[in-house]
Amino acid sequence: MRWSQLYVPTLREDPADADAVSHRLLLRAGYVRQLAAGHYSLLPLAARVRARIVAVVREEMERIGAQEFLLPALHPAELWRRTGRWESMGEEMFRLTDRKGAEQALGMTHEEVFAHLAGELRSYRQLPQVWYQFQTKFRDEARPRSGLLRVREFTMKDSYSFDLDEAGLERSFEAHRQAYLRIFERLGLPAFGVRASSGSMGGSASVEFMSPSGAGEDLVVRCPGCEYAANTEKALSALPAVADLPGADAPEEFATPSARTIEEVARQHGVAPERQVKTLVQVVDGALTLVLLRGDHALVEQKLLDALGAAAVRPATAEEIAAALGASPGSLGPLGAHGLPVVADEALRGRTDLVCGANRDGFHLRGVSLGRDAGVGQWADLREVAAGEPCVECGAALEVLRTIEVGHIFQLGRRYTEALDVAVSGPGGERVVPLMGSYGIGVERVLAALVEAHHDERGIRWPAAVAPFDLVLTVLPGRDRAVAEAAERLYGELGAAGLRVLLDDRAERPGVKFADAELIGVPWRLTVGARGLAAGAVELTARADGAVREVALDAAVRELRALVG
């Protein structure tokens, strides 16, 4: 490819609204352009990188026996209604009505459609099956941001397994887990698997694959002492026990006129946060619910949803709280909660002599024992794990990392196959409902995560496995025709040797050519100039570390073939 013919609209300045490094560099280097919030056009360089990512993923999917499909992106509402997800997906699903009045959805994922196809399976002898595709997904993100990291339209490699029994599902799940680790290693993307919530997908288990990055939106708890790692939506820690006094026989009210927060109660009344009960009023699937946490702990909403088997949660408004409890936030507690369900975090189980709001503005209660006084209907792990807390498996101090989710795999069980009447005849002729797994990788998010992991102040530094070209062949301008002729000869020989070469034949200054080559991130630059040519040499520059050396002109093709592999 000749640069003079390639569309690479590079920018000299950083775009003002680009927050993540990958967003900034992909715009500056001419890889993407925004059409609307959360919708991006991939330009030629990005299309080449995307194709290389897809090729690696496809190879690893076929290595585990997966078969490629291509399913519609527009789905009839009826399929989603049968699994219950037409309602539970909420506002993130793009919905429309066609000219005949039929409700449709733009596919967020394809469990329903693949399970519908699996309805044609008849015998256990046809199992296991592993099916996959590369298809556009649509999600009506409320706040798309960070370029390709959070969008409304993207490509997913989604695969689905169908197995006869639990052992088969475990094998399919493990095969995908290993395939994903190979994929990220081959792409040059640092990523590791963590325990995760299954969320709206359902099922018995899931693993996310996370790439450490300051641009990430997910927090992961990881133990440096063992292999424990989990998303904060699933993470546990071994909290040290707190020694409580037995407290009074009944709670005692005391005035707290100017203390409305955990910190103010601690400072003004000498009650440490770990001795206070934080009472949150949440609306869970439309119903007001009291959620109790230790004063120094934070709620993880997904843990609450998982514990209650709910689909949606939001904080109650001040008006809703006042109507239900007769008090304002800052004076709330579980005693006299007027029949509202109460869910408490496990860190409060068995605690005595605590302080909580009195459900009367300006007052709190001391001497509260939750088991005796609070009417807790359910105990669950609800809190956010903090850095430094002990690991549940080895006791080492946990670390918390900011990460980008680049893949997610689920053991779905029979949720979708039962809902869509998928069944085969078993070995004895009995009716057997297959178990299903679901496995996703966001292709463009991987592309952006690679930029987050591989860049410097001059631009992108693509790993060789995904780079749009193997090298840039830079021709230094001058009056000597011999330079252009030597570059053309090298261009032909390198291409014939199987290398993907971008010939920079533009009439630009050397500084512009060098800066652009560094910005777009191609691993190698071979420079042909009059001075070097007179000595029978060309200059080879490595993008990874900037190392420069001269290579004999007649050895350049052989040297580059050895470097590129």
Protein backbone atom coordinates (compact mmCIF):
# COMPACT_ATOMS: atom_id res chain seq x y z
CA MET A 1 0.00 0.00 0.00
CA ARG A 2 1.23 3.51 -0.85
CA TRP A 3 0.70 6.20 1.76
CA SER A 4 -0.16 8.68 -0.99
CA GLN A 5 -3.20 6.54 -1.81
CA LEU A 6 -4.16 5.55 1.75
CA TYR A 7 -6.75 7.52 3.72
CA VAL A 8 -5.03 8.39 7.02
CA PRO A 9 -6.40 11.74 8.29
CA THR A 10 -3.90 12.35 11.10
CA LEU A 11 -4.32 15.27 13.50
CA ARG A 12 -1.51 17.38 14.91
CA GLU A 13 -3.33 18.28 18.14
CA ASP A 14 -5.17 16.18 20.70
CA PRO A 15 -8.98 16.28 20.29
CA ALA A 16 -10.45 18.34 23.11
CA ASP A 17 -13.18 15.86 24.05
CA ALA A 18 -11.08 12.68 24.02
CA ASP A 19 -10.72 11.42 27.60
CA ALA A 20 -9.03 8.00 27.31
CA VAL A 21 -5.57 7.58 25.77
CA SER A 22 -6.94 5.14 23.21
CA HIS A 23 -9.69 7.57 22.21
CA ARG A 24 -7.18 10.38 21.74
CA LEU A 25 -4.63 8.37 19.79
CA LEU A 26 -7.10 6.54 17.56
CA LEU A 27 -8.55 9.90 16.54
CA ARG A 28 -5.16 11.58 16.10
CA ALA A 29 -3.67 8.69 14.14
CA GLY A 30 -6.59 8.57 11.70
CA TYR A 31 -8.01 5.21 12.79
CA VAL A 32 -11.55 6.25 13.76
CA ARG A 33 -14.03 9.08 13.41
CA GLN A 34 -17.12 9.68 15.53
CA LEU A 35 -20.48 9.70 13.75
CA ALA A 36 -22.58 10.28 16.88
CA ALA A 37 -22.24 9.60 20.60
CA GLY A 38 -21.24 5.95 20.94
CA HIS A 39 -21.07 5.32 17.17
CA TYR A 40 -17.70 5.26 15.38
CA SER A 41 -16.53 4.71 11.83
CA LEU A 42 -13.46 2.51 11.51
CA LEU A 43 -11.14 3.95 8.88
CA PRO A 44 -8.73 1.83 6.77
CA LEU A 45 -6.00 1.46 9.39
CA ALA A 46 -8.50 0.41 12.07
CA ALA A 47 -10.21 -1.98 9.66
CA ARG A 48 -6.85 -3.69 9.08
CA VAL A 49 -6.18 -4.03 12.84
CA ARG A 50 -9.72 -5.29 13.42
CA ALA A 51 -9.29 -7.93 10.71
CA ARG A 52 -6.12 -9.21 12.38
CA ILE A 53 -7.84 -9.42 15.77
CA VAL A 54 -10.75 -11.29 14.19
CA ALA A 55 -8.34 -13.70 12.48
CA VAL A 56 -6.67 -14.65 15.78
CA VAL A 57 -10.01 -15.10 17.53
CA ARG A 58 -11.36 -17.18 14.64
CA GLU A 59 -8.32 -19.47 14.69
CA GLU A 60 -8.70 -20.13 18.41
CA MET A 61 -12.44 -20.72 18.12
CA GLU A 62 -11.91 -23.27 15.37
CA ARG A 63 -9.13 -24.85 17.41
CA ILE A 64 -11.74 -25.84 20.03
CA GLY A 65 -14.16 -27.10 17.38
CA ALA A 66 -16.47 -24.10 17.13
CA GLN A 67 -18.48 -23.59 13.93
CA GLU A 68 -19.03 -20.11 12.49
CA PHE A 69 -22.55 -18.73 11.91
CA LEU A 70 -23.92 -15.30 11.03
CA LEU A 71 -27.26 -14.51 12.64
CA PRO A 72 -29.62 -11.54 12.18
CA ALA A 73 -29.03 -8.38 14.20
CA LEU A 74 -32.78 -7.63 14.28
CA HIS A 75 -34.73 -9.93 16.61
CA PRO A 76 -38.47 -10.52 17.10
CA ALA A 77 -39.62 -9.44 20.55
CA GLU A 78 -41.33 -12.79 21.08
CA LEU A 79 -38.03 -14.66 21.52
CA TRP A 80 -36.90 -12.24 24.22
CA ARG A 81 -40.28 -12.37 25.93
CA ARG A 82 -40.07 -16.14 26.22
CA THR A 83 -36.84 -15.86 28.22
CA GLY A 84 -38.10 -12.91 30.30
CA ARG A 85 -35.41 -10.57 29.04
CA TRP A 86 -37.64 -8.26 26.99
CA GLU A 87 -38.56 -6.63 30.30
CA SER A 88 -35.38 -7.21 32.32
CA MET A 89 -33.01 -5.68 29.75
CA GLY A 90 -34.63 -2.31 30.38
CA GLU A 91 -33.59 0.85 28.61
CA GLU A 92 -30.31 -0.49 27.21
CA MET A 93 -32.20 -2.43 24.53
CA PHE A 94 -32.94 -0.63 21.25
CA ARG A 95 -36.57 -1.45 20.42
CA LEU A 96 -38.66 -0.63 17.38
CA THR A 97 -41.95 -1.50 15.71
CA ASP A 98 -42.00 -2.44 12.04
CA ARG A 99 -44.59 -1.28 9.51
CA LYS A 100 -46.84 -4.24 10.34
CA GLY A 101 -46.86 -3.39 14.04
CA ALA A 102 -44.51 -6.21 15.10
CA GLU A 103 -42.11 -5.36 17.93
CA GLN A 104 -38.44 -5.93 17.22
CA ALA A 105 -35.12 -5.38 18.99
CA LEU A 106 -31.60 -4.72 17.82
CA GLY A 107 -29.62 -7.58 19.28
CA MET A 108 -27.62 -6.83 22.44
CA THR A 109 -26.53 -10.47 22.46
CA HIS A 110 -27.75 -13.67 20.76
CA GLU A 111 -28.61 -16.29 23.39
CA GLU A 112 -32.26 -16.34 22.32
CA VAL A 113 -31.56 -16.67 18.60
CA PHE A 114 -28.91 -19.39 18.95
CA ALA A 115 -31.16 -21.32 21.34
CA HIS A 116 -33.99 -20.96 18.80
CA LEU A 117 -31.74 -22.56 16.17
CA ALA A 118 -30.79 -25.32 18.60
CA GLY A 119 -34.45 -26.33 18.63
CA GLU A 120 -33.64 -28.42 15.55
CA LEU A 121 -31.25 -30.64 17.50
CA ARG A 122 -32.85 -34.05 17.97
CA SER A 123 -30.43 -36.52 19.55
CA TYR A 124 -27.81 -36.57 22.27
CA ARG A 125 -25.46 -37.91 19.60
CA GLN A 126 -25.42 -34.40 18.07
CA LEU A 127 -23.97 -32.95 21.28
CA PRO A 128 -21.82 -31.17 22.15
CA GLN A 129 -22.22 -28.27 19.74
CA VAL A 130 -20.19 -25.04 19.83
CA TRP A 131 -21.43 -22.26 17.57
CA TYR A 132 -20.02 -18.75 17.15
CA GLN A 133 -20.23 -15.59 15.07
CA PHE A 134 -18.84 -12.10 14.62
CA GLN A 135 -21.85 -9.80 14.65
CA THR A 136 -22.76 -6.19 15.41
CA LYS A 137 -24.40 -5.63 18.81
CA PHE A 138 -26.41 -2.61 19.91
CA ARG A 139 -26.74 -1.23 23.44
CA ASP A 140 -28.38 2.08 24.25
CA GLU A 141 -25.71 3.19 26.70
CA ALA A 142 -26.85 6.13 28.80
CA ARG A 143 -23.36 7.65 28.81
CA PRO A 144 -21.16 6.38 25.99
CA ARG A 145 -17.59 7.50 26.63
CA SER A 146 -13.88 6.86 26.11
CA GLY A 147 -14.08 6.25 22.37
CA LEU A 148 -14.36 2.56 21.55
CA LEU A 149 -14.37 1.50 25.21
CA ARG A 150 -18.06 2.28 25.84
CA VAL A 151 -20.19 2.52 22.72
CA ARG A 152 -23.69 1.85 21.46
CA GLU A 153 -22.68 -0.24 18.46
CA PHE A 154 -19.83 -2.77 18.35
CA THR A 155 -18.70 -6.14 17.05
CA MET A 156 -18.80 -9.10 19.37
CA LYS A 157 -17.43 -12.56 18.90
CA ASP A 158 -20.11 -14.48 20.70
CA SER A 159 -20.06 -18.25 20.96
CA TYR A 160 -22.53 -20.68 22.50
CA SER A 161 -22.13 -24.25 23.66
CA PHE A 162 -24.82 -26.92 23.98
CA ASP A 163 -24.03 -29.94 26.16
CA LEU A 164 -25.86 -32.98 27.44
CA ASP A 165 -24.83 -32.68 31.09
CA GLU A 166 -22.96 -30.61 33.68
CA ALA A 167 -19.65 -32.34 32.95
CA GLY A 168 -19.98 -31.40 29.30
CA LEU A 169 -20.73 -27.78 30.14
CA GLU A 170 -17.67 -27.68 32.39
CA ARG A 171 -15.52 -28.96 29.50
CA SER A 172 -16.92 -26.37 27.08
CA PHE A 173 -16.45 -23.61 29.63
CA GLU A 174 -12.86 -24.61 30.34
CA ALA A 175 -12.10 -24.93 26.62
CA HIS A 176 -13.26 -21.35 26.12
CA ARG A 177 -11.37 -20.12 29.17
CA GLN A 178 -8.14 -21.56 27.81
CA ALA A 179 -8.90 -20.26 24.30
CA TYR A 180 -9.42 -16.75 25.65
CA LEU A 181 -6.12 -16.82 27.50
CA ARG A 182 -4.39 -17.91 24.28
CA ILE A 183 -6.17 -15.19 22.28
CA PHE A 184 -5.07 -12.38 24.58
CA GLU A 185 -1.53 -13.72 24.77
CA ARG A 186 -1.29 -13.93 20.97
CA LEU A 187 -2.70 -10.42 20.56
CA GLY A 188 -0.20 -9.02 23.05
CA LEU A 189 -2.92 -7.84 25.43
CA PRO A 190 -2.23 -8.22 29.17
CA ALA A 191 -5.39 -9.84 30.55
CA PHE A 192 -6.39 -12.28 33.26
CA GLY A 193 -9.56 -14.09 34.32
CA VAL A 194 -11.56 -13.07 37.39
CA ARG A 195 -14.70 -14.36 39.11
CA ALA A 196 -17.69 -12.28 38.13
CA SER A 197 -21.41 -11.81 38.52
CA SER A 198 -23.58 -13.28 35.78
CA GLY A 199 -25.96 -10.33 35.98
CA SER A 200 -28.89 -10.34 33.53
CA MET A 201 -27.37 -13.28 31.65
CA GLY A 202 -28.14 -15.64 34.52
CA GLY A 203 -26.49 -18.99 35.08
CA SER A 204 -24.35 -20.61 37.71
CA ALA A 205 -20.88 -19.16 37.07
CA SER A 206 -19.00 -16.62 34.98
CA VAL A 207 -15.45 -15.42 34.42
CA GLU A 208 -14.48 -11.98 33.12
CA PHE A 209 -11.19 -11.32 31.36
CA MET A 210 -9.76 -8.01 32.49
CA SER A 211 -6.93 -5.85 31.17
CA PRO A 212 -5.36 -3.47 33.72
CA SER A 213 -5.80 0.15 32.62
CA GLY A 214 -6.38 3.54 34.16
CA ALA A 215 -9.10 4.05 31.52
CA GLY A 216 -11.08 1.05 32.76
CA GLU A 217 -14.48 1.30 34.41
CA ASP A 218 -14.29 -2.00 36.33
CA LEU A 219 -12.56 -2.53 39.66
CA VAL A 220 -10.97 -5.91 40.24
CA VAL A 221 -9.80 -7.34 43.55
CA ARG A 222 -6.67 -9.45 43.16
CA CYS A 223 -4.47 -11.28 45.63
CA PRO A 224 -0.69 -11.07 45.11
CA GLY A 225 -0.23 -14.11 47.33
CA CYS A 226 -2.40 -16.61 45.43
CA GLU A 227 -4.54 -16.82 42.30
CA TYR A 228 -7.69 -15.27 43.80
CA ALA A 229 -9.15 -12.53 41.59
CA ALA A 230 -12.71 -11.23 41.34
CA ASN A 231 -14.67 -8.28 40.06
CA THR A 232 -15.81 -6.09 42.95
CA GLU A 233 -19.34 -7.21 42.05
CA LYS A 234 -18.31 -10.69 43.24
CA ALA A 235 -15.25 -10.17 45.45
CA LEU A 236 -14.99 -11.34 49.06
CA SER A 237 -12.46 -10.69 51.79
CA ALA A 238 -11.79 -12.09 55.26
CA LEU A 239 -12.67 -9.18 57.51
CA PRO A 240 -11.20 -9.28 61.02
CA ALA A 241 -13.83 -9.85 63.68
CA VAL A 242 -14.97 -6.82 65.65
CA ALA A 243 -15.31 -7.26 69.43
CA ASP A 244 -18.64 -5.85 70.61
CA LEU A 245 -19.99 -5.13 74.07
CA PRO A 246 -23.35 -6.77 74.87
CA GLY A 247 -25.02 -3.35 75.08
CA ALA A 248 -28.22 -2.34 76.84
CA ASP A 249 -31.34 -4.45 77.09
CA ALA A 250 -33.05 -2.13 74.62
CA PRO A 251 -31.93 0.62 72.23
CA GLU A 252 -31.66 4.12 73.67
CA GLU A 253 -32.40 7.28 71.68
CA PHE A 254 -29.97 10.24 71.83
CA ALA A 255 -29.97 13.62 70.11
CA THR A 256 -27.74 14.20 67.10
CA PRO A 257 -29.05 17.55 65.79
CA SER A 258 -26.06 18.41 63.60
CA ALA A 259 -24.82 14.92 62.68
CA ARG A 260 -26.27 13.62 59.43
CA THR A 261 -23.40 11.50 58.10
CA ILE A 262 -21.36 8.56 59.37
CA GLU A 263 -18.34 10.83 59.67
CA GLU A 264 -20.22 13.51 61.62
CA VAL A 265 -21.59 10.95 64.10
CA ALA A 266 -18.05 9.60 64.54
CA ARG A 267 -16.53 13.04 65.03
CA GLN A 268 -19.22 14.62 67.22
CA HIS A 269 -20.30 11.60 69.29
CA GLY A 270 -17.23 9.37 69.33
CA VAL A 271 -18.82 6.40 67.57
CA ALA A 272 -16.37 4.78 65.16
CA PRO A 273 -17.79 4.08 61.66
CA GLU A 274 -17.37 0.31 62.14
CA ARG A 275 -19.75 0.59 65.15
CA GLN A 276 -22.43 2.36 63.11
CA VAL A 277 -25.14 0.91 60.87
CA LYS A 278 -25.54 2.58 57.49
CA THR A 279 -29.18 2.36 56.38
CA LEU A 280 -29.83 2.77 52.68
CA VAL A 281 -33.29 2.88 51.14
CA GLN A 282 -33.26 1.24 47.72
CA VAL A 283 -36.01 0.65 45.19
CA VAL A 284 -35.56 -2.96 44.09
CA ASP A 285 -37.77 -4.01 41.17
CA GLY A 286 -40.13 -1.22 42.16
CA ALA A 287 -40.32 -2.06 45.89
CA LEU A 288 -38.76 -0.03 48.72
CA THR A 289 -36.14 -2.09 50.56
CA LEU A 290 -33.88 -1.26 53.51
CA VAL A 291 -30.23 -2.24 53.03
CA LEU A 292 -27.95 -2.31 56.08
CA LEU A 293 -24.17 -2.00 55.94
CA ARG A 294 -21.40 -1.30 58.39
CA GLY A 295 -20.80 2.46 58.55
CA ASP A 296 -17.42 2.26 56.85
CA HIS A 297 -18.58 -0.02 54.02
CA ALA A 298 -20.04 0.75 50.57
CA LEU A 299 -22.86 -1.07 48.79
CA VAL A 300 -22.24 -2.96 45.55
CA GLU A 301 -25.56 -2.76 43.71
CA GLN A 302 -24.93 -5.87 41.64
CA LYS A 303 -24.42 -7.90 44.82
CA LEU A 304 -27.81 -6.69 46.03
CA LEU A 305 -29.44 -7.63 42.72
CA ASP A 306 -27.82 -11.07 42.79
CA ALA A 307 -28.82 -11.68 46.41
CA LEU A 308 -32.46 -10.79 45.74
CA GLY A 309 -32.68 -12.24 42.24
CA ALA A 310 -33.77 -8.80 41.07
CA ALA A 311 -33.42 -7.01 37.74
CA ALA A 312 -33.22 -3.32 38.67
CA VAL A 313 -32.22 -1.17 41.63
CA ARG A 314 -31.95 2.55 42.31
CA PRO A 315 -31.64 4.74 45.41
CA ALA A 316 -34.99 5.95 46.72
CA THR A 317 -35.73 9.64 46.42
CA ALA A 318 -35.92 11.91 49.48
CA GLU A 319 -39.68 12.10 48.98
CA GLU A 320 -40.05 8.31 48.86
CA ILE A 321 -37.93 7.96 52.01
CA ALA A 322 -39.88 10.57 53.96
CA ALA A 323 -43.20 9.00 52.98
CA ALA A 324 -42.09 5.53 54.08
CA LEU A 325 -40.01 6.25 57.19
CA GLY A 326 -40.96 9.76 58.27
CA ALA A 327 -37.36 10.91 58.37
CA SER A 328 -34.64 12.30 56.12
CA PRO A 329 -31.43 10.58 54.99
CA GLY A 330 -28.93 10.88 57.81
CA SER A 331 -31.39 9.80 60.50
CA LEU A 332 -32.53 6.48 59.06
CA GLY A 333 -32.51 3.07 60.71
CA PRO A 334 -34.12 -0.36 60.50
CA LEU A 335 -36.10 -0.14 63.76
CA GLY A 336 -39.75 0.65 63.18
CA ALA A 337 -39.30 0.32 59.43
CA HIS A 338 -43.04 0.07 58.79
CA GLY A 339 -43.00 -3.38 57.26
CA LEU A 340 -40.31 -2.72 54.64
CA PRO A 341 -38.09 -5.71 53.81
CA VAL A 342 -34.66 -5.50 55.44
CA VAL A 343 -31.49 -6.97 53.86
CA ALA A 344 -28.25 -6.80 55.86
CA ASP A 345 -24.64 -7.32 54.94
CA GLU A 346 -22.90 -10.35 56.42
CA ALA A 347 -20.35 -8.09 58.14
CA LEU A 348 -23.16 -7.04 60.52
CA ARG A 349 -24.29 -10.55 61.43
CA GLY A 350 -24.09 -11.09 65.19
CA ARG A 351 -23.09 -7.49 65.93
CA THR A 352 -24.31 -5.85 69.14
CA ASP A 353 -24.20 -2.43 70.83
CA LEU A 354 -24.31 -0.50 67.54
CA VAL A 355 -25.58 2.95 66.59
CA CYS A 356 -28.10 3.70 63.83
CA GLY A 357 -30.59 6.38 62.88
CA ALA A 358 -33.82 6.58 64.86
CA ASN A 359 -36.09 7.36 61.90
CA ARG A 360 -36.61 10.74 63.53
CA ASP A 361 -34.70 13.74 62.21
CA GLY A 362 -31.90 14.76 64.56
CA PHE A 363 -31.87 11.53 66.58
CA HIS A 364 -29.97 8.23 66.63
CA LEU A 365 -30.22 5.02 68.65
CA ARG A 366 -27.39 3.41 70.63
CA GLY A 367 -27.23 -0.11 72.03
CA VAL A 368 -28.73 -1.68 68.90
CA SER A 369 -28.30 -5.44 68.43
CA LEU A 370 -29.29 -6.28 64.88
CA GLY A 371 -30.40 -9.86 65.50
CA ARG A 372 -32.68 -8.69 68.31
CA ASP A 373 -33.87 -5.29 67.07
CA ALA A 374 -33.64 -4.90 63.32
CA GLY A 375 -35.98 -7.51 61.86
CA VAL A 376 -33.47 -8.58 59.21
CA GLY A 377 -35.21 -10.75 56.64
CA GLN A 378 -32.11 -11.74 54.64
CA TRP A 379 -28.35 -11.73 55.15
CA ALA A 380 -26.07 -11.47 52.14
CA ASP A 381 -22.63 -10.30 51.07
CA LEU A 382 -23.34 -6.76 49.87
CA ARG A 383 -20.25 -4.69 50.59
CA GLU A 384 -17.42 -3.49 48.40
CA VAL A 385 -14.07 -5.06 49.22
CA ALA A 386 -11.30 -2.52 49.88
CA ALA A 387 -7.57 -2.71 49.17
CA GLY A 388 -5.54 -4.13 52.04
CA GLU A 389 -8.26 -6.42 53.39
CA PRO A 390 -7.21 -10.06 53.87
CA CYS A 391 -7.67 -12.56 51.04
CA VAL A 392 -10.33 -15.20 51.77
CA GLU A 393 -8.04 -17.94 50.45
CA CYS A 394 -4.57 -17.13 51.75
CA GLY A 395 -4.86 -14.10 54.05
CA ALA A 396 -2.55 -11.83 52.04
CA ALA A 397 -3.45 -8.15 51.65
CA LEU A 398 -5.68 -7.69 48.59
CA GLU A 399 -5.02 -5.10 45.89
CA VAL A 400 -7.67 -3.29 43.85
CA LEU A 401 -6.99 -2.62 40.16
CA ARG A 402 -8.84 -0.53 37.59
CA THR A 403 -9.42 -2.63 34.48
CA ILE A 404 -11.09 -2.90 31.08
CA GLU A 405 -13.36 -5.90 30.53
CA VAL A 406 -12.29 -7.51 27.24
CA GLY A 407 -14.14 -10.84 27.50
CA HIS A 408 -16.78 -12.62 29.55
CA ILE A 409 -17.79 -16.29 29.66
CA PHE A 410 -20.90 -17.75 31.32
CA GLN A 411 -22.27 -21.11 32.38
CA LEU A 412 -25.92 -20.46 31.57
CA GLY A 413 -27.36 -23.86 32.40
CA ARG A 414 -30.88 -24.50 31.07
CA ARG A 415 -32.37 -21.00 31.39
CA TYR A 416 -32.60 -20.40 27.63
CA THR A 417 -33.03 -23.95 26.38
CA GLU A 418 -35.97 -24.54 28.74
CA ALA A 419 -37.61 -21.23 27.83
CA LEU A 420 -37.32 -21.97 24.11
CA ASP A 421 -38.27 -25.68 24.31
CA VAL A 422 -34.90 -27.08 23.22
CA ALA A 423 -34.67 -30.81 23.93
CA VAL A 424 -33.00 -33.91 22.53
CA SER A 425 -33.60 -37.60 23.05
CA GLY A 426 -31.19 -39.05 25.62
CA PRO A 427 -29.33 -42.39 25.55
CA GLY A 428 -32.44 -44.16 26.85
CA GLY A 429 -34.87 -42.25 24.69
CA GLU A 430 -35.74 -39.82 27.50
CA ARG A 431 -36.23 -36.10 26.89
CA VAL A 432 -33.12 -34.14 27.84
CA VAL A 433 -32.82 -30.33 27.87
CA PRO A 434 -29.24 -29.35 26.93
CA LEU A 435 -27.15 -27.04 29.08
CA MET A 436 -25.89 -23.88 27.46
CA GLY A 437 -22.81 -21.69 27.76
CA SER A 438 -22.22 -18.19 26.38
CA TYR A 439 -18.84 -16.64 25.62
CA GLY A 440 -18.14 -13.09 24.39
CA ILE A 441 -15.24 -10.90 23.25
CA GLY A 442 -15.76 -7.26 22.22
CA VAL A 443 -13.57 -6.82 19.14
CA GLU A 444 -13.32 -3.02 19.03
CA ARG A 445 -12.91 -2.84 22.80
CA VAL A 446 -9.95 -5.20 22.48
CA LEU A 447 -8.55 -2.87 19.80
CA ALA A 448 -8.84 0.11 22.15
CA ALA A 449 -7.47 -1.86 25.12
CA LEU A 450 -4.41 -2.73 23.04
CA VAL A 451 -3.77 0.98 22.49
CA GLU A 452 -4.21 1.63 26.23
CA ALA A 453 -1.58 -1.05 26.91
CA HIS A 454 0.84 -0.14 24.08
CA HIS A 455 1.55 3.54 23.54
CA ASP A 456 4.01 6.30 24.40
CA GLU A 457 4.12 10.07 24.09
CA ARG A 458 4.65 9.80 20.30
CA GLY A 459 1.68 7.57 19.54
CA ILE A 460 0.54 3.96 19.30
CA ARG A 461 2.93 1.00 19.51
CA TRP A 462 1.04 -1.97 18.05
CA PRO A 463 2.12 -5.51 18.92
CA ALA A 464 3.28 -7.24 15.75
CA ALA A 465 0.29 -9.63 15.78
CA VAL A 466 -2.25 -6.87 15.19
CA ALA A 467 -0.34 -4.03 13.48
CA PRO A 468 -1.95 -2.71 10.26
CA PHE A 469 1.40 -3.10 8.46
CA ASP A 470 4.64 -4.85 9.33
CA LEU A 471 6.74 -1.83 8.39
CA VAL A 472 6.71 1.66 6.96
CA LEU A 473 9.17 2.12 4.09
CA THR A 474 10.00 5.82 4.30
CA VAL A 475 11.46 7.54 1.23
CA LEU A 476 13.38 10.72 2.10
CA PRO A 477 12.67 13.45 -0.44
CA GLY A 478 15.45 14.67 -2.72
CA ARG A 479 16.48 15.25 -6.29
CA ASP A 480 18.32 11.95 -6.64
CA ARG A 481 16.15 9.52 -8.62
CA ALA A 482 18.27 6.67 -7.27
CA VAL A 483 16.61 6.98 -3.85
CA ALA A 484 13.09 6.61 -5.27
CA GLU A 485 14.18 3.75 -7.52
CA ALA A 486 15.86 1.90 -4.65
CA ALA A 487 12.74 2.36 -2.49
CA GLU A 488 10.50 1.03 -5.26
CA ARG A 489 12.74 -1.98 -5.69
CA LEU A 490 12.74 -2.66 -1.95
CA TYR A 491 8.96 -2.21 -1.84
CA GLY A 492 8.49 -4.92 -4.46
CA GLU A 493 10.99 -7.32 -2.90
CA LEU A 494 9.55 -6.92 0.62
CA GLY A 495 6.03 -7.50 -0.66
CA ALA A 496 7.13 -10.56 -2.63
CA ALA A 497 8.68 -11.89 0.61
CA GLY A 498 5.25 -11.78 2.24
CA LEU A 499 5.69 -8.61 4.28
CA ARG A 500 2.90 -6.07 4.61
CA VAL A 501 4.56 -2.78 3.64
CA LEU A 502 3.30 0.79 3.74
CA LEU A 503 5.42 2.84 1.30
CA ASP A 504 5.55 6.46 2.43
CA ASP A 505 5.92 8.08 -0.97
CA ARG A 506 4.39 11.41 0.05
CA ALA A 507 6.03 14.71 -0.80
CA GLU A 508 6.42 15.62 2.87
CA ARG A 509 9.33 16.73 5.04
CA PRO A 510 11.25 13.93 6.80
CA GLY A 511 10.05 15.14 10.23
CA VAL A 512 6.41 14.84 9.18
CA LYS A 513 6.96 11.36 7.79
CA PHE A 514 8.77 10.15 10.90
CA ALA A 515 6.15 11.65 13.25
CA ASP A 516 3.28 10.07 11.31
CA ALA A 517 4.97 6.66 11.26
CA GLU A 518 5.41 6.81 15.03
CA LEU A 519 1.85 8.03 15.55
CA ILE A 520 0.19 5.19 13.63
CA GLY A 521 2.33 2.68 15.52
CA VAL A 522 3.70 0.29 12.85
CA PRO A 523 6.40 -1.90 14.47
CA TRP A 524 9.28 -1.15 12.05
CA ARG A 525 10.40 1.77 9.89
CA LEU A 526 12.90 1.32 7.06
CA THR A 527 14.26 4.64 5.81
CA VAL A 528 15.84 5.10 2.38
CA GLY A 529 17.88 8.30 1.89
CA ALA A 530 20.64 9.56 -0.36
CA ARG A 531 23.35 9.47 2.32
CA GLY A 532 22.67 5.89 3.39
CA LEU A 533 22.17 4.71 -0.17
CA ALA A 534 25.61 6.05 -1.10
CA ALA A 535 27.02 3.75 1.58
CA GLY A 536 24.85 0.84 0.43
CA ALA A 537 22.68 0.93 3.58
CA VAL A 538 19.22 1.77 4.86
CA GLU A 539 18.15 2.78 8.36
CA LEU A 540 16.00 0.44 10.45
CA THR A 541 14.04 1.85 13.43
CA ALA A 542 12.09 -0.19 15.97
CA ARG A 543 8.88 1.52 17.09
CA ALA A 544 8.86 -0.40 20.39
CA ASP A 545 12.01 1.18 21.83
CA GLY A 546 13.20 3.64 19.18
CA ALA A 547 16.43 1.69 18.55
CA VAL A 548 18.05 2.66 15.24
CA ARG A 549 20.66 0.78 13.21
CA GLU A 550 21.94 0.59 9.69
CA VAL A 551 21.28 -2.46 7.54
CA ALA A 552 23.02 -3.32 4.31
CA LEU A 553 20.70 -2.65 1.38
CA ASP A 554 21.14 -6.12 -0.06
CA ALA A 555 20.39 -7.71 3.35
CA ALA A 556 17.32 -5.63 4.22
CA VAL A 557 14.68 -8.07 2.95
CA ARG A 558 16.31 -11.03 4.68
CA GLU A 559 16.68 -9.06 7.92
CA LEU A 560 13.06 -7.86 7.92
CA ARG A 561 11.74 -11.34 7.20
CA ALA A 562 13.65 -12.65 10.22
CA LEU A 563 12.34 -9.83 12.44
CA VAL A 564 8.70 -10.07 11.36
CA GLY A 565 8.67 -13.87 11.37
